[in-house]
Amino acid sequence: MNRPAPRVSVVVCADGSTPFDGLTAALDSVLRDGDVHDVLVVVDRAPRLRDHLRHRYDDLVVVDNTRTPGLAGSRDTGIESARGDVVAFLGADCVAHAGWARALAAPFDQVDVIAVVGRTEPTWPGTAASALPDDLLWAVDCTPRWRPDGLVGLDDVAGATVAFRRWDLLQVGGLASGVDAHEGVPRGAEFVELCLRLAADEPEARVVSTSSARVSRTVRPGETRPRSVVAAAVDRGVAHRALRRSVGGEGDSGTGAPRGVTFGRLASSAWRSFVGRRRGTTVLAAAAIALATGHLLGLVRGTRIGLPVDQLVPLRSATVRR
C-alpha cells in the first residue's frame, strides 16, 4: 500500500529590509504550487509589512515573530504555526520552480533522512559580468554545479531551500531561538547545528540533496564583491573547523565533516582559471586563502558547534493564527 504524500508547509521569513517585489515573487511562486498544504509568512518587527501582506493575500497565513528577534526566531515561529508533516523553508529572495515542494518532501519516505536540500540557481543583478565562478556560488547561497544529488555533507544545508519533518523540529526545539547561541553556532551554521541535534538519536541519519527541488535566488549586487566573498569564506572556514571538532574527524556520512568546499578545490580552480586566462582568478585565490584563515581561526578559538541540551525545550505546536 502506498503511503499518502506528506503535507508540506512552506515558511518564508521577512522583515522591514526585505525587498517587497522579491518577497511577493517568492510567495506567488509557492501559491501556484498545488502540492503545498499551507504557506506562512513570518514577519519580524515590521507591522506595516505584515498589514500590507494580509491585505494583499487571502490564501496564506501572515504572523508576527513571537520569539526572539531575528531569522532564527522567525523560523521557529513558522515551525510552531505550520500544520504540515514537512516544513520547507524558502528564502524571501527565491522563486520556487514547478514541483519544488513535492520534490523536497519525497525523500522523507526514508526514515533515516533528517533533512533535504534543494538546488538554488543564481539570478544575477545587472549584466552577466557580475557572475561568480561556479566554485564560489556557495558564497551567495547558491548551489555549485558539481554538488551531486543524494548524500551530502552538513555544510550543504542552507536556508534558501531546505526541509525537515515538522515533528522532529518540534521535539528538538527548532533553531533554538530562545537560547544564546553565539558561542555554540558559528555564523552561517544554524542549520548545521540543528542537524547535529536531529542526528543525536539517529546513528544512520542522512542529509540528502535533490536537484528536482529547484529555486532561483536573486543575488544582490554587493554579495558578489570580493570583500563579501572573502567574509563568507572566512565564516565557512570557521564553521568547517567547528564541525570537524564536533563530529570527531573527517567522516564520510551524511552528518560528517564537509567534503565539497575545500582549500584544495578553490586553489585548484584558481590555478585552472589563471592558466586558462579566465575571469575570477583573483577572487578564487582570495577565497581559498580566506577559507584557510577561517580554519585557523576556528582552530585557535577552539570553536565547536553545539548548544547546551538542558537549556533547549520543545517548541509549542499550532500557535494561534491571526
C-alpha atoms as a PDB file:
ATOM      1  CA  MET A   1       0.000   0.000   0.000  1.00  0.00           C
ATOM      2  CA  ASN A   2       1.350   3.393  -0.991  1.00  0.00           C
ATOM      3  CA  ARG A   3       1.733   5.959   1.763  1.00  0.00           C
ATOM      4  CA  PRO A   4      -0.045   9.272   1.278  1.00  0.00           C
ATOM      5  CA  ALA A   5       2.272  12.092   0.260  1.00  0.00           C
ATOM      6  CA  PRO A   6       3.347  14.214   3.222  1.00  0.00           C
ATOM      7  CA  ARG A   7       1.673  17.584   3.593  1.00  0.00           C
ATOM      8  CA  VAL A   8       4.140  20.417   3.073  1.00  0.00           C
ATOM      9  CA  SER A   9       4.066  23.699   4.984  1.00  0.00           C
ATOM     10  CA  VAL A  10       6.177  26.450   3.416  1.00  0.00           C
ATOM     11  CA  VAL A  11       7.716  29.072   5.706  1.00  0.00           C
ATOM     12  CA  VAL A  12       9.003  32.377   4.313  1.00  0.00           C
ATOM     13  CA  CYS A  13      10.549  34.898   6.719  1.00  0.00           C
ATOM     14  CA  ALA A  14      10.685  38.657   6.147  1.00  0.00           C
ATOM     15  CA  ASP A  15      11.466  41.905   7.945  1.00  0.00           C
ATOM     16  CA  GLY A  16      11.499  45.600   7.190  1.00  0.00           C
ATOM     17  CA  SER A  17      14.578  45.283   4.968  1.00  0.00           C
ATOM     18  CA  THR A  18      13.101  42.597   2.702  1.00  0.00           C
ATOM     19  CA  PRO A  19      12.515  43.885  -0.868  1.00  0.00           C
ATOM     20  CA  PHE A  20       8.758  43.745  -1.346  1.00  0.00           C
ATOM     21  CA  ASP A  21       8.833  42.801  -5.043  1.00  0.00           C
ATOM     22  CA  GLY A  22      11.149  39.873  -4.348  1.00  0.00           C
ATOM     23  CA  LEU A  23       9.000  38.715  -1.443  1.00  0.00           C
ATOM     24  CA  THR A  24       5.788  38.751  -3.465  1.00  0.00           C
ATOM     25  CA  ALA A  25       7.521  36.887  -6.314  1.00  0.00           C
ATOM     26  CA  ALA A  26       8.556  34.193  -3.825  1.00  0.00           C
ATOM     27  CA  LEU A  27       5.056  33.923  -2.354  1.00  0.00           C
ATOM     28  CA  ASP A  28       3.349  33.882  -5.758  1.00  0.00           C
ATOM     29  CA  SER A  29       5.627  31.067  -6.931  1.00  0.00           C
ATOM     30  CA  VAL A  30       4.696  28.915  -3.925  1.00  0.00           C
ATOM     31  CA  LEU A  31       0.988  29.682  -4.099  1.00  0.00           C
ATOM     32  CA  ARG A  32       0.953  28.416  -7.699  1.00  0.00           C
ATOM     33  CA  ASP A  33       2.202  25.047  -6.438  1.00  0.00           C
ATOM     34  CA  GLY A  34      -0.691  22.637  -5.936  1.00  0.00           C
ATOM     35  CA  ASP A  35       1.465  20.389  -3.728  1.00  0.00           C
ATOM     36  CA  VAL A  36       1.614  22.878  -0.830  1.00  0.00           C
ATOM     37  CA  HIS A  37      -0.604  22.361   2.222  1.00  0.00           C
ATOM     38  CA  ASP A  38      -0.183  25.855   3.668  1.00  0.00           C
ATOM     39  CA  VAL A  39       2.067  28.893   3.231  1.00  0.00           C
ATOM     40  CA  LEU A  40       3.186  31.010   6.162  1.00  0.00           C
ATOM     41  CA  VAL A  41       4.935  34.357   6.154  1.00  0.00           C
ATOM     42  CA  VAL A  42       6.603  35.259   9.442  1.00  0.00           C
ATOM     43  CA  VAL A  43       7.206  38.993   9.760  1.00  0.00           C
ATOM     44  CA  ASP A  44       9.878  40.191  12.163  1.00  0.00           C
ATOM     45  CA  ARG A  45       9.158  43.578  13.774  1.00  0.00           C
ATOM     46  CA  ALA A  46       7.591  45.121  10.666  1.00  0.00           C
ATOM     47  CA  PRO A  47       3.867  45.779  11.314  1.00  0.00           C
ATOM     48  CA  ARG A  48       3.372  47.788   8.119  1.00  0.00           C
ATOM     49  CA  LEU A  49       4.711  44.913   6.021  1.00  0.00           C
ATOM     50  CA  ARG A  50       2.531  42.450   7.943  1.00  0.00           C
ATOM     51  CA  ASP A  51      -0.615  44.521   7.349  1.00  0.00           C
ATOM     52  CA  HIS A  52       0.244  45.028   3.674  1.00  0.00           C
ATOM     53  CA  LEU A  53       0.656  41.272   3.149  1.00  0.00           C
ATOM     54  CA  ARG A  54      -2.592  40.471   4.944  1.00  0.00           C
ATOM     55  CA  HIS A  55      -4.412  42.956   2.741  1.00  0.00           C
ATOM     56  CA  ARG A  56      -2.823  41.615  -0.458  1.00  0.00           C
ATOM     57  CA  TYR A  57      -3.164  37.847   0.163  1.00  0.00           C
ATOM     58  CA  ASP A  58      -6.177  35.844   1.286  1.00  0.00           C
ATOM     59  CA  ASP A  59      -4.673  32.404   0.728  1.00  0.00           C
ATOM     60  CA  LEU A  60      -1.668  32.466   3.055  1.00  0.00           C
ATOM     61  CA  VAL A  61      -1.094  32.937   6.777  1.00  0.00           C
ATOM     62  CA  VAL A  62       0.801  36.021   7.942  1.00  0.00           C
ATOM     63  CA  VAL A  63       2.042  36.001  11.549  1.00  0.00           C
ATOM     64  CA  ASP A  64       4.352  38.110  13.680  1.00  0.00           C
ATOM     65  CA  ASN A  65       7.580  36.653  15.009  1.00  0.00           C
ATOM     66  CA  THR A  66       6.635  35.760  18.590  1.00  0.00           C
ATOM     67  CA  ARG A  67      10.090  34.589  19.605  1.00  0.00           C
ATOM     68  CA  THR A  68      13.475  36.320  19.757  1.00  0.00           C
ATOM     69  CA  PRO A  69      14.113  38.963  17.075  1.00  0.00           C
ATOM     70  CA  GLY A  70      15.934  37.723  14.007  1.00  0.00           C
ATOM     71  CA  LEU A  71      15.801  34.953  11.452  1.00  0.00           C
ATOM     72  CA  ALA A  72      16.074  32.040  13.905  1.00  0.00           C
ATOM     73  CA  GLY A  73      13.128  33.331  15.936  1.00  0.00           C
ATOM     74  CA  SER A  74      11.074  33.855  12.783  1.00  0.00           C
ATOM     75  CA  ARG A  75      11.788  30.329  11.596  1.00  0.00           C
ATOM     76  CA  ASP A  76      10.819  28.878  14.970  1.00  0.00           C
ATOM     77  CA  THR A  77       7.576  30.852  14.875  1.00  0.00           C
ATOM     78  CA  GLY A  78       6.917  29.370  11.434  1.00  0.00           C
ATOM     79  CA  ILE A  79       7.549  25.845  12.731  1.00  0.00           C
ATOM     80  CA  GLU A  80       5.073  26.406  15.561  1.00  0.00           C
ATOM     81  CA  SER A  81       2.431  27.818  13.218  1.00  0.00           C
ATOM     82  CA  ALA A  82       2.762  25.223  10.438  1.00  0.00           C
ATOM     83  CA  ARG A  83       0.245  22.406  10.046  1.00  0.00           C
ATOM     84  CA  GLY A  84       2.009  20.124   7.560  1.00  0.00           C
ATOM     85  CA  ASP A  85       4.090  16.979   8.056  1.00  0.00           C
ATOM     86  CA  VAL A  86       7.118  18.604   6.412  1.00  0.00           C
ATOM     87  CA  VAL A  87       8.311  22.186   6.909  1.00  0.00           C
ATOM     88  CA  ALA A  88      10.048  23.651   3.865  1.00  0.00           C
ATOM     89  CA  PHE A  89      11.955  26.917   4.305  1.00  0.00           C
ATOM     90  CA  LEU A  90      12.175  29.212   1.287  1.00  0.00           C
ATOM     91  CA  GLY A  91      14.313  32.345   1.151  1.00  0.00           C
ATOM     92  CA  ALA A  92      12.384  35.582   0.713  1.00  0.00           C
ATOM     93  CA  ASP A  93      14.567  36.345  -2.321  1.00  0.00           C
ATOM     94  CA  CYS A  94      13.913  32.999  -4.031  1.00  0.00           C
ATOM     95  CA  VAL A  95      11.372  31.860  -6.609  1.00  0.00           C
ATOM     96  CA  ALA A  96      10.326  28.209  -6.471  1.00  0.00           C
ATOM     97  CA  HIS A  97      10.115  26.231  -9.703  1.00  0.00           C
ATOM     98  CA  ALA A  98       7.252  23.862 -10.502  1.00  0.00           C
ATOM     99  CA  GLY A  99       7.257  20.713  -8.388  1.00  0.00           C
ATOM    100  CA  TRP A 100       9.615  22.182  -5.772  1.00  0.00           C
ATOM    101  CA  ALA A 101       7.593  21.237  -2.692  1.00  0.00           C
ATOM    102  CA  ARG A 102       6.831  17.707  -3.858  1.00  0.00           C
ATOM    103  CA  ALA A 103      10.481  17.060  -4.688  1.00  0.00           C
ATOM    104  CA  LEU A 104      11.650  18.295  -1.269  1.00  0.00           C
ATOM    105  CA  ALA A 105       9.158  16.097   0.563  1.00  0.00           C
ATOM    106  CA  ALA A 106       9.698  12.872  -1.395  1.00  0.00           C
ATOM    107  CA  PRO A 107      12.965  11.691   0.288  1.00  0.00           C
ATOM    108  CA  PHE A 108      11.304  11.707   3.718  1.00  0.00           C
ATOM    109  CA  ASP A 109       9.816   8.318   2.799  1.00  0.00           C
ATOM    110  CA  GLN A 110      13.185   7.061   4.073  1.00  0.00           C
ATOM    111  CA  VAL A 111      13.156   7.163   7.861  1.00  0.00           C
ATOM    112  CA  ASP A 112      16.873   7.908   8.209  1.00  0.00           C
ATOM    113  CA  VAL A 113      16.657  11.133   6.183  1.00  0.00           C
ATOM    114  CA  ILE A 114      16.661  14.091   8.583  1.00  0.00           C
ATOM    115  CA  ALA A 115      16.939  16.958   6.088  1.00  0.00           C
ATOM    116  CA  VAL A 116      16.522  17.552   2.364  1.00  0.00           C
ATOM    117  CA  VAL A 117      18.159  20.408   0.458  1.00  0.00           C
ATOM    118  CA  GLY A 118      17.179  21.584  -2.985  1.00  0.00           C
ATOM    119  CA  ARG A 119      19.137  23.311  -5.733  1.00  0.00           C
ATOM    120  CA  THR A 120      19.426  27.099  -5.720  1.00  0.00           C
ATOM    121  CA  GLU A 121      20.260  28.726  -9.046  1.00  0.00           C
ATOM    122  CA  PRO A 122      21.506  32.342  -9.164  1.00  0.00           C
ATOM    123  CA  THR A 123      19.762  35.192 -10.910  1.00  0.00           C
ATOM    124  CA  TRP A 124      22.477  37.774 -11.370  1.00  0.00           C
ATOM    125  CA  PRO A 125      21.987  41.517 -10.963  1.00  0.00           C
ATOM    126  CA  GLY A 126      22.776  43.702 -13.927  1.00  0.00           C
ATOM    127  CA  THR A 127      24.965  42.110 -16.572  1.00  0.00           C
ATOM    128  CA  ALA A 128      26.490  38.647 -16.661  1.00  0.00           C
ATOM    129  CA  ALA A 129      29.795  40.234 -15.667  1.00  0.00           C
ATOM    130  CA  SER A 130      28.534  40.159 -12.066  1.00  0.00           C
ATOM    131  CA  ALA A 131      28.515  36.364 -12.006  1.00  0.00           C
ATOM    132  CA  LEU A 132      30.886  34.387  -9.798  1.00  0.00           C
ATOM    133  CA  PRO A 133      32.768  31.237 -10.826  1.00  0.00           C
ATOM    134  CA  ASP A 134      30.839  28.053 -10.150  1.00  0.00           C
ATOM    135  CA  ASP A 135      33.140  27.093  -7.258  1.00  0.00           C
ATOM    136  CA  LEU A 136      32.077  30.255  -5.401  1.00  0.00           C
ATOM    137  CA  LEU A 137      28.308  30.029  -5.791  1.00  0.00           C
ATOM    138  CA  TRP A 138      28.003  28.835  -2.180  1.00  0.00           C
ATOM    139  CA  ALA A 139      29.233  32.318  -1.119  1.00  0.00           C
ATOM    140  CA  VAL A 140      25.925  33.769  -2.373  1.00  0.00           C
ATOM    141  CA  ASP A 141      23.757  30.922  -1.016  1.00  0.00           C
ATOM    142  CA  CYS A 142      23.533  29.172  -4.376  1.00  0.00           C
ATOM    143  CA  THR A 143      24.415  25.639  -5.449  1.00  0.00           C
ATOM    144  CA  PRO A 144      27.621  24.814  -7.366  1.00  0.00           C
ATOM    145  CA  ARG A 145      27.012  22.594 -10.373  1.00  0.00           C
ATOM    146  CA  TRP A 146      29.393  19.954  -9.015  1.00  0.00           C
ATOM    147  CA  ARG A 147      27.215  19.192  -5.985  1.00  0.00           C
ATOM    148  CA  PRO A 148      25.653  15.762  -6.628  1.00  0.00           C
ATOM    149  CA  ASP A 149      22.180  14.515  -5.875  1.00  0.00           C
ATOM    150  CA  GLY A 150      21.930  12.079  -2.994  1.00  0.00           C
ATOM    151  CA  LEU A 151      24.042  12.072   0.138  1.00  0.00           C
ATOM    152  CA  VAL A 152      25.694  15.400   1.008  1.00  0.00           C
ATOM    153  CA  GLY A 153      27.607  16.891   3.928  1.00  0.00           C
ATOM    154  CA  LEU A 154      26.175  19.160   6.569  1.00  0.00           C
ATOM    155  CA  ASP A 155      27.804  22.262   5.110  1.00  0.00           C
ATOM    156  CA  ASP A 156      25.369  21.970   2.197  1.00  0.00           C
ATOM    157  CA  VAL A 157      22.357  22.598   4.444  1.00  0.00           C
ATOM    158  CA  ALA A 158      21.450  26.201   3.616  1.00  0.00           C
ATOM    159  CA  GLY A 159      18.352  28.274   4.192  1.00  0.00           C
ATOM    160  CA  ALA A 160      17.383  29.126   0.611  1.00  0.00           C
ATOM    161  CA  THR A 161      15.652  25.770   0.123  1.00  0.00           C
ATOM    162  CA  VAL A 162      15.699  23.134   2.862  1.00  0.00           C
ATOM    163  CA  ALA A 163      13.084  20.924   4.503  1.00  0.00           C
ATOM    164  CA  PHE A 164      12.647  18.923   7.708  1.00  0.00           C
ATOM    165  CA  ARG A 165       9.957  16.798   9.335  1.00  0.00           C
ATOM    166  CA  ARG A 166       7.895  19.117  11.489  1.00  0.00           C
ATOM    167  CA  TRP A 167       7.577  16.636  14.343  1.00  0.00           C
ATOM    168  CA  ASP A 168      11.373  16.338  14.533  1.00  0.00           C
ATOM    169  CA  LEU A 169      11.731  20.110  14.690  1.00  0.00           C
ATOM    170  CA  LEU A 170       9.166  20.418  17.467  1.00  0.00           C
ATOM    171  CA  GLN A 171      10.923  17.762  19.529  1.00  0.00           C
ATOM    172  CA  VAL A 172      14.448  19.217  19.368  1.00  0.00           C
ATOM    173  CA  GLY A 173      13.496  22.870  19.780  1.00  0.00           C
ATOM    174  CA  GLY A 174      13.830  24.045  16.192  1.00  0.00           C
ATOM    175  CA  LEU A 175      16.526  26.658  15.639  1.00  0.00           C
ATOM    176  CA  ALA A 176      16.798  27.118  19.442  1.00  0.00           C
ATOM    177  CA  SER A 177      15.944  30.807  19.143  1.00  0.00           C
ATOM    178  CA  GLY A 178      15.323  31.097  22.878  1.00  0.00           C
ATOM    179  CA  VAL A 179      18.945  30.243  23.712  1.00  0.00           C
ATOM    180  CA  ASP A 180      22.024  32.460  23.431  1.00  0.00           C
ATOM    181  CA  ALA A 181      23.576  30.601  20.504  1.00  0.00           C
ATOM    182  CA  HIS A 182      26.556  32.878  19.846  1.00  0.00           C
ATOM    183  CA  GLU A 183      29.179  30.513  21.248  1.00  0.00           C
ATOM    184  CA  GLY A 184      27.708  27.245  20.015  1.00  0.00           C
ATOM    185  CA  VAL A 185      26.698  28.277  16.492  1.00  0.00           C
ATOM    186  CA  PRO A 186      29.309  29.903  14.211  1.00  0.00           C
ATOM    187  CA  ARG A 187      27.915  32.361  11.700  1.00  0.00           C
ATOM    188  CA  GLY A 188      26.056  30.587   8.929  1.00  0.00           C
ATOM    189  CA  ALA A 189      25.953  27.223  10.753  1.00  0.00           C
ATOM    190  CA  GLU A 190      22.446  27.444  12.226  1.00  0.00           C
ATOM    191  CA  PHE A 191      21.065  24.557  10.174  1.00  0.00           C
ATOM    192  CA  VAL A 192      24.267  22.557  10.719  1.00  0.00           C
ATOM    193  CA  GLU A 193      23.777  22.787  14.488  1.00  0.00           C
ATOM    194  CA  LEU A 194      20.123  21.814  14.106  1.00  0.00           C
ATOM    195  CA  CYS A 195      21.054  18.744  12.046  1.00  0.00           C
ATOM    196  CA  LEU A 196      23.578  17.641  14.676  1.00  0.00           C
ATOM    197  CA  ARG A 197      20.795  17.688  17.270  1.00  0.00           C
ATOM    198  CA  LEU A 198      18.447  15.823  14.929  1.00  0.00           C
ATOM    199  CA  ALA A 199      21.129  13.181  14.324  1.00  0.00           C
ATOM    200  CA  ALA A 200      21.969  12.692  18.005  1.00  0.00           C
ATOM    201  CA  ASP A 201      19.479   9.825  18.408  1.00  0.00           C
ATOM    202  CA  GLU A 202      19.686   8.551  14.824  1.00  0.00           C
ATOM    203  CA  PRO A 203      23.048   6.872  14.139  1.00  0.00           C
ATOM    204  CA  GLU A 204      22.172   6.326  10.469  1.00  0.00           C
ATOM    205  CA  ALA A 205      20.972   9.909   9.928  1.00  0.00           C
ATOM    206  CA  ARG A 206      21.424  11.262   6.415  1.00  0.00           C
ATOM    207  CA  VAL A 207      21.121  14.613   4.679  1.00  0.00           C
ATOM    208  CA  VAL A 208      20.232  14.350   1.002  1.00  0.00           C
ATOM    209  CA  SER A 209      20.178  16.725  -1.933  1.00  0.00           C
ATOM    210  CA  THR A 210      17.780  16.739  -4.855  1.00  0.00           C
ATOM    211  CA  SER A 211      18.130  18.878  -7.972  1.00  0.00           C
ATOM    212  CA  SER A 212      14.423  18.308  -8.679  1.00  0.00           C
ATOM    213  CA  ALA A 213      13.610  20.852  -5.948  1.00  0.00           C
ATOM    214  CA  ARG A 214      14.818  23.963  -7.769  1.00  0.00           C
ATOM    215  CA  VAL A 215      14.605  27.610  -6.810  1.00  0.00           C
ATOM    216  CA  SER A 216      16.117  30.743  -8.324  1.00  0.00           C
ATOM    217  CA  ARG A 217      17.703  33.281  -5.991  1.00  0.00           C
ATOM    218  CA  THR A 218      18.174  36.931  -6.857  1.00  0.00           C
ATOM    219  CA  VAL A 219      21.758  37.810  -5.897  1.00  0.00           C
ATOM    220  CA  ARG A 220      22.189  41.326  -4.541  1.00  0.00           C
ATOM    221  CA  PRO A 221      24.976  43.374  -6.209  1.00  0.00           C
ATOM    222  CA  GLY A 222      27.000  43.747  -3.007  1.00  0.00           C
ATOM    223  CA  GLU A 223      27.176  39.998  -2.455  1.00  0.00           C
ATOM    224  CA  THR A 224      29.497  39.480  -5.415  1.00  0.00           C
ATOM    225  CA  ARG A 225      32.105  42.000  -4.259  1.00  0.00           C
ATOM    226  CA  PRO A 226      35.442  40.442  -3.281  1.00  0.00           C
ATOM    227  CA  ARG A 227      35.113  41.701   0.298  1.00  0.00           C
ATOM    228  CA  SER A 228      31.758  39.933   0.714  1.00  0.00           C
ATOM    229  CA  VAL A 229      33.031  36.698  -0.828  1.00  0.00           C
ATOM    230  CA  VAL A 230      36.126  36.723   1.393  1.00  0.00           C
ATOM    231  CA  ALA A 231      33.989  37.308   4.505  1.00  0.00           C
ATOM    232  CA  ALA A 232      31.731  34.404   3.529  1.00  0.00           C
ATOM    233  CA  ALA A 233      34.796  32.173   3.021  1.00  0.00           C
ATOM    234  CA  VAL A 234      36.205  33.044   6.463  1.00  0.00           C
ATOM    235  CA  ASP A 235      32.859  32.230   8.090  1.00  0.00           C
ATOM    236  CA  ARG A 236      32.713  28.955   6.176  1.00  0.00           C
ATOM    237  CA  GLY A 237      36.220  28.040   7.268  1.00  0.00           C
ATOM    238  CA  VAL A 238      35.396  28.658  10.941  1.00  0.00           C
ATOM    239  CA  ALA A 239      32.245  26.551  10.616  1.00  0.00           C
ATOM    240  CA  HIS A 240      34.179  23.754   8.876  1.00  0.00           C
ATOM    241  CA  ARG A 241      36.729  23.573  11.685  1.00  0.00           C
ATOM    242  CA  ALA A 242      33.982  23.666  14.320  1.00  0.00           C
ATOM    243  CA  LEU A 243      32.118  20.853  12.575  1.00  0.00           C
ATOM    244  CA  ARG A 244      35.231  18.677  12.358  1.00  0.00           C
ATOM    245  CA  ARG A 245      35.857  19.165  16.063  1.00  0.00           C
ATOM    246  CA  SER A 246      32.205  18.453  16.916  1.00  0.00           C
ATOM    247  CA  VAL A 247      31.887  15.206  14.942  1.00  0.00           C
ATOM    248  CA  GLY A 248      35.416  13.957  15.611  1.00  0.00           C
ATOM    249  CA  GLY A 249      37.301  13.862  12.325  1.00  0.00           C
ATOM    250  CA  GLU A 250      36.565  13.953   8.655  1.00  0.00           C
ATOM    251  CA  GLY A 251      33.833  11.351   8.434  1.00  0.00           C
ATOM    252  CA  ASP A 252      32.012  10.359   5.282  1.00  0.00           C
ATOM    253  CA  SER A 253      28.423  10.052   6.413  1.00  0.00           C
ATOM    254  CA  GLY A 254      25.589  12.483   5.784  1.00  0.00           C
ATOM    255  CA  THR A 255      26.354  14.132   9.110  1.00  0.00           C
ATOM    256  CA  GLY A 256      30.119  14.047   8.728  1.00  0.00           C
ATOM    257  CA  ALA A 257      32.558  16.853   8.139  1.00  0.00           C
ATOM    258  CA  PRO A 258      32.449  18.953   4.954  1.00  0.00           C
ATOM    259  CA  ARG A 259      33.758  17.398   1.762  1.00  0.00           C
ATOM    260  CA  GLY A 260      32.837  19.854  -1.002  1.00  0.00           C
ATOM    261  CA  VAL A 261      34.119  23.383  -0.401  1.00  0.00           C
ATOM    262  CA  THR A 262      37.806  22.906   0.447  1.00  0.00           C
ATOM    263  CA  PHE A 263      41.025  24.886   0.156  1.00  0.00           C
ATOM    264  CA  GLY A 264      42.303  22.356  -2.384  1.00  0.00           C
ATOM    265  CA  ARG A 265      39.241  22.706  -4.610  1.00  0.00           C
ATOM    266  CA  LEU A 266      39.351  26.505  -4.540  1.00  0.00           C
ATOM    267  CA  ALA A 267      43.113  26.673  -5.086  1.00  0.00           C
ATOM    268  CA  SER A 268      42.876  24.213  -7.986  1.00  0.00           C
ATOM    269  CA  SER A 269      40.019  26.188  -9.516  1.00  0.00           C
ATOM    270  CA  ALA A 270      42.051  29.419  -9.176  1.00  0.00           C
ATOM    271  CA  TRP A 271      45.027  27.795 -10.927  1.00  0.00           C
ATOM    272  CA  ARG A 272      42.881  26.490 -13.795  1.00  0.00           C
ATOM    273  CA  SER A 273      41.350  29.934 -14.146  1.00  0.00           C
ATOM    274  CA  PHE A 274      44.809  31.533 -14.229  1.00  0.00           C
ATOM    275  CA  VAL A 275      46.145  29.087 -16.825  1.00  0.00           C
ATOM    276  CA  GLY A 276      43.044  29.473 -18.961  1.00  0.00           C
ATOM    277  CA  ARG A 277      43.090  33.251 -18.563  1.00  0.00           C
ATOM    278  CA  ARG A 278      39.523  33.207 -17.349  1.00  0.00           C
ATOM    279  CA  ARG A 279      37.855  35.815 -15.198  1.00  0.00           C
ATOM    280  CA  GLY A 280      37.655  35.074 -11.475  1.00  0.00           C
ATOM    281  CA  THR A 281      41.231  34.012 -10.723  1.00  0.00           C
ATOM    282  CA  THR A 282      41.807  36.699  -8.106  1.00  0.00           C
ATOM    283  CA  VAL A 283      38.580  36.168  -6.183  1.00  0.00           C
ATOM    284  CA  LEU A 284      39.043  32.374  -6.241  1.00  0.00           C
ATOM    285  CA  ALA A 285      42.557  32.693  -4.829  1.00  0.00           C
ATOM    286  CA  ALA A 286      41.367  35.177  -2.197  1.00  0.00           C
ATOM    287  CA  ALA A 287      38.519  32.856  -1.195  1.00  0.00           C
ATOM    288  CA  ALA A 288      40.919  29.908  -0.843  1.00  0.00           C
ATOM    289  CA  ILE A 289      43.170  31.924   1.462  1.00  0.00           C
ATOM    290  CA  ALA A 290      40.148  33.210   3.416  1.00  0.00           C
ATOM    291  CA  LEU A 291      38.802  29.669   3.853  1.00  0.00           C
ATOM    292  CA  ALA A 292      42.168  28.539   5.231  1.00  0.00           C
ATOM    293  CA  THR A 293      42.224  31.598   7.502  1.00  0.00           C
ATOM    294  CA  GLY A 294      38.797  30.660   8.827  1.00  0.00           C
ATOM    295  CA  HIS A 295      40.036  27.139   9.573  1.00  0.00           C
ATOM    296  CA  LEU A 296      42.954  28.609  11.509  1.00  0.00           C
ATOM    297  CA  LEU A 297      40.703  30.979  13.446  1.00  0.00           C
ATOM    298  CA  GLY A 298      38.384  28.132  14.360  1.00  0.00           C
ATOM    299  CA  LEU A 299      41.340  26.049  15.484  1.00  0.00           C
ATOM    300  CA  VAL A 300      42.837  28.809  17.621  1.00  0.00           C
ATOM    301  CA  ARG A 301      39.498  29.674  19.193  1.00  0.00           C
ATOM    302  CA  GLY A 302      38.580  26.054  19.813  1.00  0.00           C
ATOM    303  CA  THR A 303      35.235  26.670  18.130  1.00  0.00           C
ATOM    304  CA  ARG A 304      32.656  23.906  18.359  1.00  0.00           C
ATOM    305  CA  ILE A 305      29.109  23.516  17.090  1.00  0.00           C
ATOM    306  CA  GLY A 306      26.614  22.594  19.778  1.00  0.00           C
ATOM    307  CA  LEU A 307      24.168  24.104  22.252  1.00  0.00           C
ATOM    308  CA  PRO A 308      23.529  23.016  25.858  1.00  0.00           C
ATOM    309  CA  VAL A 309      20.801  20.397  25.561  1.00  0.00           C
ATOM    310  CA  ASP A 310      19.490  21.053  29.064  1.00  0.00           C
ATOM    311  CA  GLN A 311      18.553  24.589  28.007  1.00  0.00           C
ATOM    312  CA  LEU A 312      16.551  23.520  24.967  1.00  0.00           C
ATOM    313  CA  VAL A 313      12.804  22.976  25.195  1.00  0.00           C
ATOM    314  CA  PRO A 314      10.362  21.631  22.602  1.00  0.00           C
ATOM    315  CA  LEU A 315       8.547  24.231  20.561  1.00  0.00           C
ATOM    316  CA  ARG A 316       4.848  24.820  21.019  1.00  0.00           C
ATOM    317  CA  SER A 317       2.590  23.330  18.382  1.00  0.00           C
ATOM    318  CA  ALA A 318      -0.090  25.207  16.455  1.00  0.00           C
ATOM    319  CA  THR A 319       0.367  28.802  17.571  1.00  0.00           C
ATOM    320  CA  VAL A 320      -2.918  30.698  17.382  1.00  0.00           C
ATOM    321  CA  ARG A 321      -3.158  32.329  13.959  1.00  0.00           C
ATOM    322  CA  ARG A 322      -4.281  35.862  13.308  1.00  0.00           C
END
